[in-house]
C-alpha atoms as a PDB file:
ATOM      1  CA  MET A   1      39.898  42.013  -5.118  1.00  0.00           C
ATOM      2  CA  SER A   2      37.983  45.284  -4.386  1.00  0.00           C
ATOM      3  CA  ILE A   3      34.889  45.602  -1.721  1.00  0.00           C
ATOM      4  CA  ALA A   4      32.477  45.984  -4.638  1.00  0.00           C
ATOM      5  CA  GLU A   5      33.688  42.733  -6.266  1.00  0.00           C
ATOM      6  CA  ARG A   6      33.236  40.890  -3.075  1.00  0.00           C
ATOM      7  CA  ILE A   7      29.818  42.202  -2.316  1.00  0.00           C
ATOM      8  CA  ALA A   8      28.842  41.403  -6.071  1.00  0.00           C
ATOM      9  CA  GLU A   9      30.343  37.856  -5.775  1.00  0.00           C
ATOM     10  CA  TYR A  10      28.427  37.332  -2.362  1.00  0.00           C
ATOM     11  CA  ARG A  11      25.364  38.462  -3.819  1.00  0.00           C
ATOM     12  CA  GLU A  12      25.497  35.950  -6.699  1.00  0.00           C
ATOM     13  CA  ILE A  13      25.912  33.406  -4.189  1.00  0.00           C
ATOM     14  CA  VAL A  14      23.186  34.262  -2.025  1.00  0.00           C
ATOM     15  CA  GLU A  15      20.686  34.680  -4.928  1.00  0.00           C
ATOM     16  CA  GLU A  16      21.556  31.255  -6.433  1.00  0.00           C
ATOM     17  CA  TRP A  17      21.188  29.542  -2.898  1.00  0.00           C
ATOM     18  CA  LEU A  18      17.557  31.220  -2.527  1.00  0.00           C
ATOM     19  CA  ARG A  19      16.841  30.060  -6.230  1.00  0.00           C
ATOM     20  CA  GLY A  20      17.450  26.429  -5.033  1.00  0.00           C
ATOM     21  CA  PHE A  21      15.555  26.828  -1.873  1.00  0.00           C
ATOM     22  CA  TYR A  22      12.370  28.199  -3.383  1.00  0.00           C
ATOM     23  CA  HIS A  23      12.683  25.500  -5.903  1.00  0.00           C
ATOM     24  CA  GLY A  24      13.162  22.967  -3.114  1.00  0.00           C
ATOM     25  CA  LEU A  25      10.160  24.346  -1.024  1.00  0.00           C
ATOM     26  CA  ILE A  26       7.578  25.732  -3.227  1.00  0.00           C
ATOM     27  CA  SER A  27       8.021  24.567  -7.125  1.00  0.00           C
ATOM     28  CA  HIS A  28       9.502  21.117  -6.877  1.00  0.00           C
ATOM     29  CA  PRO A  29       7.170  18.344  -8.022  1.00  0.00           C
ATOM     30  CA  ALA A  30       7.481  16.396  -4.877  1.00  0.00           C
ATOM     31  CA  TYR A  31       5.956  19.176  -2.835  1.00  0.00           C
ATOM     32  CA  GLU A  32       2.581  17.948  -3.845  1.00  0.00           C
ATOM     33  CA  LYS A  33       2.894  14.578  -2.805  1.00  0.00           C
ATOM     34  CA  ILE A  34       4.293  15.478   0.471  1.00  0.00           C
ATOM     35  CA  GLU A  35       1.396  17.615   0.812  1.00  0.00           C
ATOM     36  CA  LYS A  36      -0.989  14.597  -0.061  1.00  0.00           C
ATOM     37  CA  GLU A  37       0.956  12.557   2.437  1.00  0.00           C
ATOM     38  CA  ALA A  38       0.430  15.188   5.154  1.00  0.00           C
ATOM     39  CA  GLU A  39      -3.308  15.186   4.335  1.00  0.00           C
ATOM     40  CA  ASP A  40      -3.812  11.374   4.362  1.00  0.00           C
ATOM     41  CA  GLN A  41      -1.954  11.481   7.798  1.00  0.00           C
ATOM     42  CA  GLU A  42      -4.222  14.031   9.037  1.00  0.00           C
ATOM     43  CA  ASP A  43      -7.411  12.024   7.571  1.00  0.00           C
ATOM     44  CA  ALA A  44      -6.260   9.047   9.575  1.00  0.00           C
ATOM     45  CA  PHE A  45      -5.948  10.786  12.709  1.00  0.00           C
ATOM     46  CA  MET A  46      -9.152  12.493  12.516  1.00  0.00           C
ATOM     47  CA  LEU A  47     -10.781   9.008  11.512  1.00  0.00           C
ATOM     48  CA  ALA A  48      -9.048   7.357  14.480  1.00  0.00           C
ATOM     49  CA  CYS A  49     -10.517  10.212  16.918  1.00  0.00           C
ATOM     50  CA  PHE A  50     -14.064  10.594  15.468  1.00  0.00           C
ATOM     51  CA  PRO A  51     -15.156   7.260  13.933  1.00  0.00           C
ATOM     52  CA  GLU A  52     -18.486   7.569  14.831  1.00  0.00           C
ATOM     53  CA  ALA A  53     -19.055  10.538  12.286  1.00  0.00           C
ATOM     54  CA  PHE A  54     -19.232   7.719   9.507  1.00  0.00           C
ATOM     55  CA  GLY A  55     -21.060   5.106  11.712  1.00  0.00           C
ATOM     56  CA  ILE A  56     -17.955   3.137  13.258  1.00  0.00           C
ATOM     57  CA  PRO A  57     -18.474   2.581  16.908  1.00  0.00           C
ATOM     58  CA  SER A  58     -15.483   3.548  18.901  1.00  0.00           C
ATOM     59  CA  PRO A  59     -14.814   2.817  22.692  1.00  0.00           C
ATOM     60  CA  VAL A  60     -12.677   5.937  22.893  1.00  0.00           C
ATOM     61  CA  SER A  61     -15.130   8.325  21.613  1.00  0.00           C
ATOM     62  CA  TYR A  62     -15.949   9.559  25.172  1.00  0.00           C
ATOM     63  CA  TYR A  63     -12.206  10.623  25.429  1.00  0.00           C
ATOM     64  CA  THR A  64     -11.709  11.847  21.992  1.00  0.00           C
ATOM     65  CA  ALA A  65     -14.855  14.125  22.227  1.00  0.00           C
ATOM     66  CA  GLU A  66     -12.934  16.370  24.341  1.00  0.00           C
ATOM     67  CA  LEU A  67     -10.366  17.130  21.269  1.00  0.00           C
ATOM     68  CA  LEU A  68     -13.467  18.408  19.369  1.00  0.00           C
ATOM     69  CA  PRO A  69     -13.494  22.328  20.509  1.00  0.00           C
ATOM     70  CA  TYR A  70      -9.628  22.292  19.443  1.00  0.00           C
ATOM     71  CA  LEU A  71     -10.332  20.639  16.210  1.00  0.00           C
ATOM     72  CA  GLU A  72     -13.850  22.003  15.184  1.00  0.00           C
ATOM     73  CA  ASP A  73     -12.297  24.174  12.254  1.00  0.00           C
ATOM     74  CA  GLU A  74     -10.971  21.340  10.481  1.00  0.00           C
ATOM     75  CA  PHE A  75     -13.742  18.870  11.367  1.00  0.00           C
ATOM     76  CA  GLU A  76     -16.115  19.914   8.760  1.00  0.00           C
ATOM     77  CA  ALA A  77     -13.486  20.334   6.005  1.00  0.00           C
ATOM     78  CA  TRP A  78     -12.177  16.578   6.948  1.00  0.00           C
ATOM     79  CA  GLU A  79     -15.932  15.250   7.091  1.00  0.00           C
ATOM     80  CA  ARG A  80     -16.491  16.969   3.790  1.00  0.00           C
ATOM     81  CA  ARG A  81     -13.290  15.674   2.117  1.00  0.00           C
ATOM     82  CA  MET A  82     -13.691  12.198   3.480  1.00  0.00           C
ATOM     83  CA  TRP A  83     -17.358  11.870   1.837  1.00  0.00           C
ATOM     84  CA  ASP A  84     -16.150  13.291  -1.309  1.00  0.00           C
ATOM     85  CA  ARG A  85     -13.223  10.846  -1.698  1.00  0.00           C
ATOM     86  CA  GLY A  86     -14.062   7.541  -3.224  1.00  0.00           C
ATOM     87  CA  SER A  87     -11.901   5.404  -0.849  1.00  0.00           C
ATOM     88  CA  LEU A  88      -8.526   5.789   0.559  1.00  0.00           C
ATOM     89  CA  LEU A  89      -7.143   3.018  -1.536  1.00  0.00           C
ATOM     90  CA  GLU A  90      -8.396   4.791  -4.543  1.00  0.00           C
ATOM     91  CA  ARG A  91      -6.546   7.757  -3.242  1.00  0.00           C
ATOM     92  CA  LYS A  92      -3.379   5.769  -2.750  1.00  0.00           C
ATOM     93  CA  GLY A  93      -3.711   4.339  -6.135  1.00  0.00           C
ATOM     94  CA  GLN A  94      -3.577   7.666  -7.793  1.00  0.00           C
ATOM     95  CA  GLN A  95       0.130   7.936  -6.505  1.00  0.00           C
ATOM     96  CA  TYR A  96       1.086   5.486  -8.907  1.00  0.00           C
ATOM     97  CA  HIS A  97      -1.085   5.700 -11.980  1.00  0.00           C
ATOM     98  CA  PHE A  98      -1.038   9.097 -13.465  1.00  0.00           C
END
């Protein structure tokens, strides 16, 4: 086996691996489900930190207010997303009914 043949064989293996890697990370249908689940987890964290944004009294708001400068970029988008969403139950139900 010559060096050119070895390089060609190695190149085919790498290209096949990269196609599979791309498919697994970007184009696979599970990617959207993982993204929605991550968004739900982020929403739950933000709701636990800032429930007073929706009129829910919280005894820990004094401590979570210190996080606001770090989360201010995400806070407005989160608040808008939470008001637009019907309910968390509705969102979870969409996962099972297409």
